[in-house]
Amino acid sequence: MRSLSDDQKPSRQLGGEALDVGAKPSPGPVTSRIPCRPSGHITDACYRNAVGYLRVSTDQQTESGLGLEAQRASITAAAARLGLALREIFTDAGISGALSIADRPALLQAVAALHRGNVLLVAKRDRLGRDVFEVAMIERLVAKHGARVVSAAGEGTDNDDPANVLLRGLVDLFAQHERLLIGVRTKQALAAKSVKGERVGNLPFGSQLGADGVHLEPAPVEQRILATIRSLRAELGSTRKIAEALNARGLTTRRGTPWRHEYVAHALRKVVG
């Protein structure tokens, strides 16, 4: 059988190189791509990309130190300091820190955007929430993506050594404690305003703002409707029957809509006059 010359031997193109089918492979070093597994320390080379998350619970916070722009500047500076590429920023505006992650659409999007080795970057841990259990759940969801939460303020988020884990827990507890204190102070302030006859929240049915725009005074038309409701309550008892009777008389709610039994019950609870 006639043998082929070297230049007649078939070859295949692979990766831009011509490989000689007849040639014996030469031994050489075998290399393989090792997946990057973050060690848990923010200085780990595996951490390269970050997703930012901002949150304010009230419009007034936009003008305070925890406003959106202040948070944005904080996480941008932290990303530069840590050598992270800040890929996206998600914002929950006017969202309470007491709400669950299910009620915070931007946070859900931020977590969904995370990949292994990514960082969820926040200005402070209380931006994640002010409920210990909710924050713990958020951190678990982030960890399932192979990512970690990092605070621009530090707060024990640099690594997972026991001291930092303890610090994070304390920070979350104090954030929850502060939320509860704010709630107590708010209730006390509203109660004090109510005692003074000042407006608290929506105007109760039967009342209107006085000339000073602060204090409440009886609304004559609504007071007459309330008197009718009280009379019908003694006669009919059922709020559903009262609503039917009011509608039959052509009486409407403050918005000009027909009465429903829920509206009747609400009006009776909020009687002022």
Protein backbone atom coordinates (compact mmCIF):
# COMPACT_ATOMS: atom_id res chain seq x y z
CA MET A 1 0.00 0.00 0.00
CA ARG A 2 1.29 3.40 -1.00
CA SER A 3 2.08 5.56 1.99
CA LEU A 4 1.04 9.19 2.19
CA SER A 5 3.63 11.87 2.34
CA ASP A 6 3.59 14.30 5.23
CA ASP A 7 1.95 17.00 3.20
CA GLN A 8 -0.84 14.58 2.10
CA LYS A 9 -1.96 13.53 5.59
CA PRO A 10 -5.49 14.76 6.48
CA SER A 11 -5.87 17.47 9.08
CA ARG A 12 -8.74 19.12 11.06
CA GLN A 13 -9.12 22.74 12.03
CA LEU A 14 -9.65 23.21 15.75
CA GLY A 15 -9.45 26.53 17.47
CA GLY A 16 -7.68 28.08 14.51
CA GLU A 17 -4.86 25.51 14.57
CA ALA A 18 -4.28 22.64 12.06
CA LEU A 19 -4.01 19.36 13.98
CA ASP A 20 -2.16 16.44 12.31
CA VAL A 21 -4.41 13.37 12.60
CA GLY A 22 -1.51 11.00 12.12
CA ALA A 23 0.77 12.68 14.61
CA LYS A 24 1.05 11.36 18.12
CA PRO A 25 -0.01 13.80 20.82
CA SER A 26 2.89 15.21 22.73
CA PRO A 27 2.67 15.16 26.49
CA GLY A 28 2.18 18.55 28.11
CA PRO A 29 0.69 20.23 31.12
CA VAL A 30 -3.03 19.68 31.56
CA THR A 31 -4.93 22.79 32.65
CA SER A 32 -8.59 23.11 33.66
CA ARG A 33 -10.81 26.08 34.51
CA ILE A 34 -11.47 26.09 38.25
CA PRO A 35 -14.76 27.78 39.19
CA CYS A 36 -14.40 30.82 41.40
CA ARG A 37 -15.78 30.08 44.86
CA PRO A 38 -15.92 33.18 47.07
CA SER A 39 -14.32 32.60 50.44
CA GLY A 40 -16.69 34.99 52.22
CA HIS A 41 -14.29 37.92 52.55
CA ILE A 42 -15.11 41.02 50.52
CA THR A 43 -11.45 41.37 49.42
CA ASP A 44 -11.67 37.93 47.77
CA ALA A 45 -10.75 38.19 44.08
CA CYS A 46 -13.96 36.36 43.19
CA TYR A 47 -16.01 39.44 44.05
CA ARG A 48 -15.96 41.67 40.99
CA ASN A 49 -19.50 42.92 40.33
CA ALA A 50 -22.06 44.62 42.55
CA VAL A 51 -25.78 45.33 42.42
CA GLY A 52 -26.89 48.39 44.39
CA TYR A 53 -30.08 48.73 46.42
CA LEU A 54 -31.56 51.98 47.75
CA ARG A 55 -34.62 52.46 49.99
CA VAL A 56 -36.40 55.35 51.66
CA SER A 57 -39.64 54.97 53.59
CA THR A 58 -40.95 58.54 53.26
CA ASP A 59 -40.71 61.45 50.85
CA GLN A 60 -39.12 63.53 53.61
CA GLN A 61 -36.12 61.18 53.71
CA THR A 62 -35.08 62.34 50.26
CA GLU A 63 -33.98 65.57 51.93
CA SER A 64 -32.23 63.91 54.85
CA GLY A 65 -28.93 62.09 55.26
CA LEU A 66 -30.60 58.86 54.26
CA GLY A 67 -32.03 60.32 51.04
CA LEU A 68 -31.71 58.46 47.78
CA GLU A 69 -28.90 60.64 46.44
CA ALA A 70 -26.92 60.28 49.66
CA GLN A 71 -27.30 56.50 49.49
CA ARG A 72 -26.33 56.45 45.83
CA ALA A 73 -23.17 58.44 46.54
CA SER A 74 -22.34 56.12 49.45
CA ILE A 75 -22.59 52.86 47.52
CA THR A 76 -20.82 54.34 44.48
CA ALA A 77 -17.88 55.37 46.65
CA ALA A 78 -17.86 51.97 48.39
CA ALA A 79 -17.84 50.12 45.05
CA ALA A 80 -14.82 52.17 43.90
CA ARG A 81 -13.04 51.57 47.21
CA LEU A 82 -13.62 47.81 47.05
CA GLY A 83 -12.82 47.49 43.35
CA LEU A 84 -16.33 46.44 42.41
CA ALA A 85 -18.12 47.22 39.15
CA LEU A 86 -21.52 48.63 40.07
CA ARG A 87 -23.68 47.12 37.32
CA GLU A 88 -27.20 48.18 38.36
CA ILE A 89 -28.99 50.10 41.09
CA PHE A 90 -32.53 49.27 42.21
CA THR A 91 -34.67 51.67 44.26
CA ASP A 92 -37.67 51.20 46.56
CA ALA A 93 -39.01 54.71 47.23
CA GLY A 94 -41.61 55.24 49.93
CA ILE A 95 -41.33 51.64 51.16
CA SER A 96 -41.28 50.84 54.88
CA GLY A 97 -38.42 48.75 56.24
CA ALA A 98 -40.98 46.68 58.15
CA LEU A 99 -42.44 45.22 54.95
CA SER A 100 -41.54 41.75 53.75
CA ILE A 101 -39.42 41.22 50.66
CA ALA A 102 -42.58 40.16 48.79
CA ASP A 103 -43.89 43.73 49.15
CA ARG A 104 -40.67 45.37 47.92
CA PRO A 105 -40.49 44.97 44.14
CA ALA A 106 -37.12 46.65 43.61
CA LEU A 107 -35.45 44.47 46.25
CA LEU A 108 -36.86 41.36 44.56
CA GLN A 109 -35.39 42.56 41.27
CA ALA A 110 -32.03 43.31 42.88
CA VAL A 111 -31.78 39.82 44.39
CA ALA A 112 -32.87 38.21 41.11
CA ALA A 113 -30.09 40.11 39.29
CA LEU A 114 -27.37 38.58 41.48
CA HIS A 115 -25.00 35.86 40.28
CA ARG A 116 -22.29 33.83 41.99
CA GLY A 117 -19.54 36.10 43.25
CA ASN A 118 -21.73 39.23 43.12
CA VAL A 119 -22.32 41.70 45.94
CA LEU A 120 -25.60 43.30 46.99
CA LEU A 121 -24.36 46.73 48.04
CA VAL A 122 -26.34 48.96 50.42
CA ALA A 123 -25.52 52.24 52.16
CA LYS A 124 -26.46 50.76 55.55
CA ARG A 125 -27.90 47.44 56.63
CA ASP A 126 -31.17 49.06 57.77
CA ARG A 127 -31.85 49.78 54.07
CA LEU A 128 -32.46 46.03 53.76
CA GLY A 129 -35.14 46.38 56.43
CA ARG A 130 -35.90 47.04 60.06
CA ASP A 131 -37.16 43.59 60.95
CA VAL A 132 -34.61 41.05 62.15
CA PHE A 133 -36.32 38.04 60.61
CA GLU A 134 -36.94 39.73 57.26
CA VAL A 135 -33.29 40.84 57.00
CA ALA A 136 -32.14 37.30 57.83
CA MET A 137 -34.41 35.93 55.10
CA ILE A 138 -33.05 38.44 52.58
CA GLU A 139 -29.47 37.44 53.41
CA ARG A 140 -30.34 33.77 52.91
CA LEU A 141 -31.84 34.53 49.49
CA VAL A 142 -28.72 36.45 48.53
CA ALA A 143 -26.51 33.59 49.72
CA LYS A 144 -28.48 31.12 47.58
CA HIS A 145 -27.33 33.11 44.56
CA GLY A 146 -23.71 32.66 45.68
CA ALA A 147 -23.55 36.36 46.54
CA ARG A 148 -23.23 38.37 49.77
CA VAL A 149 -24.62 41.56 51.29
CA VAL A 150 -22.11 44.35 51.87
CA SER A 151 -22.79 47.62 53.67
CA ALA A 152 -20.92 50.75 52.60
CA ALA A 153 -20.78 51.57 56.32
CA GLY A 154 -19.07 48.26 57.13
CA GLU A 155 -21.30 47.03 59.97
CA GLY A 156 -19.66 43.60 60.08
CA THR A 157 -20.27 42.76 56.42
CA ASP A 158 -16.60 42.45 55.39
CA ASN A 159 -16.44 38.76 56.23
CA ASP A 160 -18.19 35.98 58.15
CA ASP A 161 -15.94 35.57 61.15
CA PRO A 162 -17.83 35.15 64.48
CA ALA A 163 -17.24 38.74 65.61
CA ASN A 164 -18.67 40.19 62.41
CA VAL A 165 -21.66 37.83 62.43
CA LEU A 166 -22.40 39.03 65.97
CA LEU A 167 -21.99 42.67 64.93
CA ARG A 168 -24.43 42.24 62.03
CA GLY A 169 -26.98 40.73 64.37
CA LEU A 170 -26.65 43.62 66.80
CA VAL A 171 -26.96 46.19 64.00
CA ASP A 172 -30.17 44.52 62.81
CA LEU A 173 -31.58 44.38 66.35
CA PHE A 174 -30.92 48.09 66.91
CA ALA A 175 -32.56 48.91 63.56
CA GLN A 176 -35.68 47.01 64.61
CA HIS A 177 -35.61 48.66 68.04
CA GLU A 178 -35.41 52.10 66.41
CA ARG A 179 -38.42 51.27 64.20
CA LEU A 180 -40.46 50.29 67.25
CA LEU A 181 -39.45 53.49 69.06
CA ILE A 182 -40.47 55.57 66.05
CA GLY A 183 -43.85 53.82 66.06
CA VAL A 184 -44.40 54.61 69.74
CA ARG A 185 -43.40 58.26 69.31
CA THR A 186 -45.66 58.61 66.28
CA LYS A 187 -48.67 57.21 68.16
CA GLN A 188 -48.00 59.54 71.07
CA ALA A 189 -47.75 62.55 68.77
CA LEU A 190 -50.98 61.64 66.96
CA ALA A 191 -52.78 61.11 70.26
CA ALA A 192 -51.64 64.54 71.46
CA LYS A 193 -52.92 66.15 68.25
CA SER A 194 -56.23 64.34 68.59
CA VAL A 195 -56.67 65.61 72.16
CA LYS A 196 -56.09 69.16 70.88
CA GLY A 197 -58.76 68.68 68.23
CA GLU A 198 -56.25 68.81 65.40
CA ARG A 199 -56.38 66.79 62.23
CA VAL A 200 -54.88 63.30 62.41
CA GLY A 201 -54.72 61.48 59.09
CA ASN A 202 -57.85 61.54 56.94
CA LEU A 203 -60.74 63.74 58.03
CA PRO A 204 -63.30 61.65 59.93
CA PHE A 205 -66.77 61.63 58.45
CA GLY A 206 -68.76 64.42 60.08
CA SER A 207 -65.81 66.80 60.38
CA GLN A 208 -64.07 69.45 58.31
CA LEU A 209 -61.00 71.62 58.72
CA GLY A 210 -61.52 74.91 60.47
CA ALA A 211 -60.50 78.29 59.11
CA ASP A 212 -56.99 77.86 60.59
CA GLY A 213 -56.45 74.73 58.49
CA VAL A 214 -55.38 72.78 61.58
CA HIS A 215 -58.29 72.22 63.94
CA LEU A 216 -61.45 70.25 63.16
CA GLU A 217 -64.99 71.47 63.33
CA PRO A 218 -68.34 69.76 62.61
CA ALA A 219 -69.42 69.49 58.95
CA PRO A 220 -73.17 70.35 59.02
CA VAL A 221 -74.31 68.15 56.11
CA GLU A 222 -72.31 65.11 57.26
CA GLN A 223 -73.46 65.64 60.85
CA ARG A 224 -77.06 65.35 59.69
CA ILE A 225 -76.22 62.11 57.84
CA LEU A 226 -74.52 60.77 60.98
CA ALA A 227 -77.63 61.60 63.00
CA THR A 228 -79.67 59.64 60.46
CA ILE A 229 -77.26 56.71 60.69
CA ARG A 230 -77.55 56.66 64.50
CA SER A 231 -81.33 56.73 64.26
CA LEU A 232 -81.37 53.93 61.69
CA ARG A 233 -78.97 51.90 63.79
CA ALA A 234 -81.41 51.95 66.71
CA GLU A 235 -84.21 50.99 64.33
CA LEU A 236 -82.57 48.52 61.94
CA GLY A 237 -79.39 47.38 63.71
CA SER A 238 -77.66 45.91 60.63
CA THR A 239 -75.15 48.13 58.84
CA ARG A 240 -76.20 46.53 55.54
CA LYS A 241 -79.83 47.55 56.10
CA ILE A 242 -78.70 51.04 57.15
CA ALA A 243 -76.77 51.40 53.87
CA GLU A 244 -79.84 50.35 51.90
CA ALA A 245 -82.00 52.86 53.78
CA LEU A 246 -79.52 55.71 53.19
CA ASN A 247 -79.38 54.95 49.48
CA ALA A 248 -83.18 54.79 49.31
CA ARG A 249 -83.27 58.33 50.73
CA GLY A 250 -80.82 59.57 48.13
CA LEU A 251 -78.00 60.18 50.65
CA THR A 252 -74.42 59.63 49.48
CA THR A 253 -70.94 59.37 50.96
CA ARG A 254 -68.48 62.26 51.02
CA ARG A 255 -67.31 61.24 47.57
CA GLY A 256 -70.84 61.17 46.22
CA THR A 257 -70.97 57.37 45.94
CA PRO A 258 -73.73 55.05 47.23
CA TRP A 259 -73.44 53.81 50.79
CA ARG A 260 -72.15 50.30 51.51
CA HIS A 261 -72.28 48.51 54.83
CA GLU A 262 -68.49 48.86 55.22
CA TYR A 263 -68.78 52.64 54.87
CA VAL A 264 -71.55 52.75 57.47
CA ALA A 265 -69.45 50.77 59.96
CA HIS A 266 -66.44 53.01 59.32
CA ALA A 267 -68.48 56.19 59.75
CA LEU A 268 -69.85 54.94 63.08
CA ARG A 269 -66.33 54.18 64.34
CA LYS A 270 -65.02 57.61 63.34
CA VAL A 271 -67.87 59.70 64.72
CA VAL A 272 -66.76 63.19 65.75
CA GLY A 273 -69.27 65.90 66.60
